Amino acid sequence: MRRRTVVVKSRRIAWMLRKEGYRIIKIAPDRFRPQFNIFIFQNEPGLGKSLKKYIEETEEYRRVRDQKK
């Protein structure tokens, strides 16, 4: 069964998804770290692919950055 919403904890990734045309339906405080927000998106076709792409880009950036240290 497909979930109706997707929760994103990263403000940067939420901004990138929003820039790509996906709509944030709610912003709420993180339950475990209330000083941070979570961003809730409607699960639309293509959202999972875009989210995966941004996560992979972030991981690659961190891998390259850490190798330089």
N, C-alpha and C. Protein backbone atom coordinates (compact mmCIF):
# COMPACT_ATOMS: atom_id res chain seq x y z
N MET A 1 0.84 -1.19 0.00
CA MET A 1 0.00 0.00 0.00
C MET A 1 0.88 1.25 0.00
N ARG A 2 0.55 2.19 -0.81
CA ARG A 2 1.33 3.42 -0.97
C ARG A 2 0.94 4.45 0.09
N ARG A 3 1.94 5.08 0.69
CA ARG A 3 1.67 6.12 1.68
C ARG A 3 1.15 7.38 1.00
N ARG A 4 0.34 8.12 1.71
CA ARG A 4 -0.25 9.33 1.14
C ARG A 4 0.64 10.55 1.29
N THR A 5 1.53 10.52 2.29
CA THR A 5 2.42 11.65 2.52
C THR A 5 3.86 11.18 2.67
N VAL A 6 4.78 12.13 2.50
CA VAL A 6 6.20 11.87 2.68
C VAL A 6 6.74 12.95 3.60
N VAL A 7 7.49 12.54 4.62
CA VAL A 7 8.07 13.48 5.58
C VAL A 7 9.54 13.70 5.22
N VAL A 8 9.92 14.97 5.15
CA VAL A 8 11.31 15.35 4.86
C VAL A 8 11.80 16.17 6.05
N LYS A 9 12.96 15.80 6.58
CA LYS A 9 13.51 16.52 7.73
C LYS A 9 14.49 17.62 7.32
N SER A 10 15.04 17.52 6.13
CA SER A 10 16.04 18.48 5.66
C SER A 10 15.37 19.68 5.01
N ARG A 11 15.67 20.86 5.54
CA ARG A 11 15.10 22.08 4.98
C ARG A 11 15.60 22.29 3.55
N ARG A 12 16.88 21.96 3.30
CA ARG A 12 17.46 22.12 1.97
C ARG A 12 16.78 21.21 0.95
N ILE A 13 16.58 19.96 1.30
CA ILE A 13 15.93 19.03 0.37
C ILE A 13 14.47 19.43 0.16
N ALA A 14 13.81 19.88 1.23
CA ALA A 14 12.42 20.33 1.09
C ALA A 14 12.35 21.52 0.13
N TRP A 15 13.31 22.43 0.23
CA TRP A 15 13.34 23.59 -0.65
C TRP A 15 13.54 23.15 -2.10
N MET A 16 14.45 22.18 -2.31
CA MET A 16 14.72 21.70 -3.67
C MET A 16 13.49 21.01 -4.26
N LEU A 17 12.79 20.23 -3.45
CA LEU A 17 11.57 19.57 -3.93
C LEU A 17 10.50 20.60 -4.27
N ARG A 18 10.39 21.60 -3.42
CA ARG A 18 9.40 22.65 -3.65
C ARG A 18 9.72 23.41 -4.93
N LYS A 19 11.00 23.67 -5.15
CA LYS A 19 11.45 24.36 -6.36
C LYS A 19 11.12 23.54 -7.61
N GLU A 20 11.11 22.22 -7.45
CA GLU A 20 10.80 21.32 -8.56
C GLU A 20 9.29 21.21 -8.80
N GLY A 21 8.49 21.80 -7.91
CA GLY A 21 7.04 21.85 -8.14
C GLY A 21 6.20 21.04 -7.17
N TYR A 22 6.83 20.33 -6.23
CA TYR A 22 6.06 19.57 -5.25
C TYR A 22 5.61 20.51 -4.13
N ARG A 23 4.40 20.28 -3.64
CA ARG A 23 3.81 21.18 -2.67
C ARG A 23 3.97 20.67 -1.24
N ILE A 24 4.42 21.54 -0.36
CA ILE A 24 4.47 21.21 1.07
C ILE A 24 3.05 21.39 1.60
N ILE A 25 2.51 20.33 2.22
CA ILE A 25 1.14 20.46 2.73
C ILE A 25 1.11 20.85 4.20
N LYS A 26 2.25 20.63 4.90
CA LYS A 26 2.28 21.01 6.31
C LYS A 26 3.73 21.10 6.79
N ILE A 27 3.98 22.04 7.68
CA ILE A 27 5.27 22.16 8.35
C ILE A 27 4.97 22.04 9.84
N ALA A 28 5.72 21.16 10.51
CA ALA A 28 5.47 20.93 11.94
C ALA A 28 6.81 20.75 12.65
N PRO A 29 6.82 20.98 13.97
CA PRO A 29 8.06 20.73 14.71
C PRO A 29 8.37 19.23 14.74
N ASP A 30 9.65 18.91 14.68
CA ASP A 30 10.10 17.52 14.80
C ASP A 30 9.78 17.04 16.21
N ARG A 31 9.19 15.88 16.33
CA ARG A 31 8.81 15.35 17.63
C ARG A 31 10.01 15.11 18.55
N PHE A 32 11.11 14.68 17.97
CA PHE A 32 12.27 14.30 18.77
C PHE A 32 13.25 15.45 18.96
N ARG A 33 13.25 16.39 18.04
CA ARG A 33 14.11 17.58 18.14
C ARG A 33 13.25 18.80 17.81
N PRO A 34 12.50 19.29 18.79
CA PRO A 34 11.52 20.36 18.54
C PRO A 34 12.10 21.67 18.01
N GLN A 35 13.41 21.86 18.12
CA GLN A 35 14.01 23.09 17.58
C GLN A 35 14.09 23.05 16.05
N PHE A 36 13.83 21.87 15.45
CA PHE A 36 13.84 21.71 14.00
C PHE A 36 12.44 21.40 13.48
N ASN A 37 12.21 21.68 12.21
CA ASN A 37 10.92 21.42 11.58
C ASN A 37 10.99 20.19 10.68
N ILE A 38 9.81 19.60 10.43
CA ILE A 38 9.67 18.57 9.40
C ILE A 38 8.74 19.14 8.34
N PHE A 39 8.93 18.67 7.12
CA PHE A 39 8.14 19.16 6.00
C PHE A 39 7.37 17.98 5.42
N ILE A 40 6.08 18.11 5.34
CA ILE A 40 5.22 17.01 4.89
C ILE A 40 4.73 17.33 3.48
N PHE A 41 5.00 16.40 2.57
CA PHE A 41 4.62 16.54 1.16
C PHE A 41 3.55 15.51 0.83
N GLN A 42 2.66 15.87 -0.09
CA GLN A 42 1.71 14.92 -0.66
C GLN A 42 2.52 13.96 -1.53
N ASN A 43 2.32 12.66 -1.38
CA ASN A 43 3.06 11.68 -2.16
C ASN A 43 2.50 11.65 -3.58
N GLU A 44 3.22 12.29 -4.49
CA GLU A 44 2.81 12.38 -5.89
C GLU A 44 3.73 11.53 -6.75
N PRO A 45 3.31 11.18 -7.95
CA PRO A 45 4.20 10.43 -8.84
C PRO A 45 5.48 11.23 -9.10
N GLY A 46 6.61 10.57 -8.99
CA GLY A 46 7.89 11.22 -9.23
C GLY A 46 8.56 11.78 -7.99
N LEU A 47 7.83 11.96 -6.92
CA LEU A 47 8.40 12.53 -5.70
C LEU A 47 9.48 11.62 -5.13
N GLY A 48 9.24 10.33 -5.11
CA GLY A 48 10.22 9.38 -4.59
C GLY A 48 11.52 9.41 -5.38
N LYS A 49 11.41 9.49 -6.70
CA LYS A 49 12.61 9.56 -7.55
C LYS A 49 13.39 10.84 -7.29
N SER A 50 12.70 11.96 -7.20
CA SER A 50 13.36 13.23 -6.95
C SER A 50 14.03 13.23 -5.58
N LEU A 51 13.34 12.71 -4.60
CA LEU A 51 13.89 12.64 -3.24
C LEU A 51 15.14 11.77 -3.21
N LYS A 52 15.07 10.63 -3.87
CA LYS A 52 16.22 9.73 -3.93
C LYS A 52 17.41 10.40 -4.62
N LYS A 53 17.13 11.13 -5.70
CA LYS A 53 18.18 11.84 -6.44
C LYS A 53 18.88 12.86 -5.53
N TYR A 54 18.14 13.65 -4.78
CA TYR A 54 18.74 14.66 -3.90
C TYR A 54 19.51 14.03 -2.76
N ILE A 55 19.00 12.92 -2.23
CA ILE A 55 19.71 12.23 -1.15
C ILE A 55 21.03 11.67 -1.66
N GLU A 56 21.02 11.08 -2.86
CA GLU A 56 22.26 10.54 -3.44
C GLU A 56 23.26 11.66 -3.73
N GLU A 57 22.80 12.80 -4.22
CA GLU A 57 23.68 13.94 -4.46
C GLU A 57 24.32 14.42 -3.16
N THR A 58 23.54 14.48 -2.10
CA THR A 58 24.05 14.91 -0.81
C THR A 58 25.09 13.93 -0.29
N GLU A 59 24.81 12.64 -0.40
CA GLU A 59 25.76 11.63 0.07
C GLU A 59 27.06 11.69 -0.73
N GLU A 60 26.96 11.88 -2.05
CA GLU A 60 28.15 11.98 -2.89
C GLU A 60 28.97 13.22 -2.52
N TYR A 61 28.30 14.34 -2.30
CA TYR A 61 28.99 15.56 -1.89
C TYR A 61 29.76 15.33 -0.58
N ARG A 62 29.11 14.69 0.38
CA ARG A 62 29.76 14.43 1.67
C ARG A 62 30.94 13.47 1.52
N ARG A 63 30.80 12.48 0.66
CA ARG A 63 31.88 11.52 0.43
C ARG A 63 33.11 12.23 -0.14
N VAL A 64 32.91 13.07 -1.14
CA VAL A 64 34.00 13.82 -1.77
C VAL A 64 34.61 14.78 -0.76
N ARG A 65 33.77 15.48 -0.02
CA ARG A 65 34.25 16.44 0.97
C ARG A 65 35.11 15.75 2.04
N ASP A 66 34.67 14.60 2.51
CA ASP A 66 35.41 13.89 3.56
C ASP A 66 36.73 13.31 3.06
N GLN A 67 36.81 13.00 1.77
CA GLN A 67 38.07 12.47 1.22
C GLN A 67 39.13 13.57 1.15
N LYS A 68 38.71 14.81 1.03
CA LYS A 68 39.64 15.92 0.94
C LYS A 68 40.29 16.25 2.29
N LYS A 69 39.66 15.84 3.36
CA LYS A 69 40.17 16.16 4.71
C LYS A 69 41.38 15.34 5.07
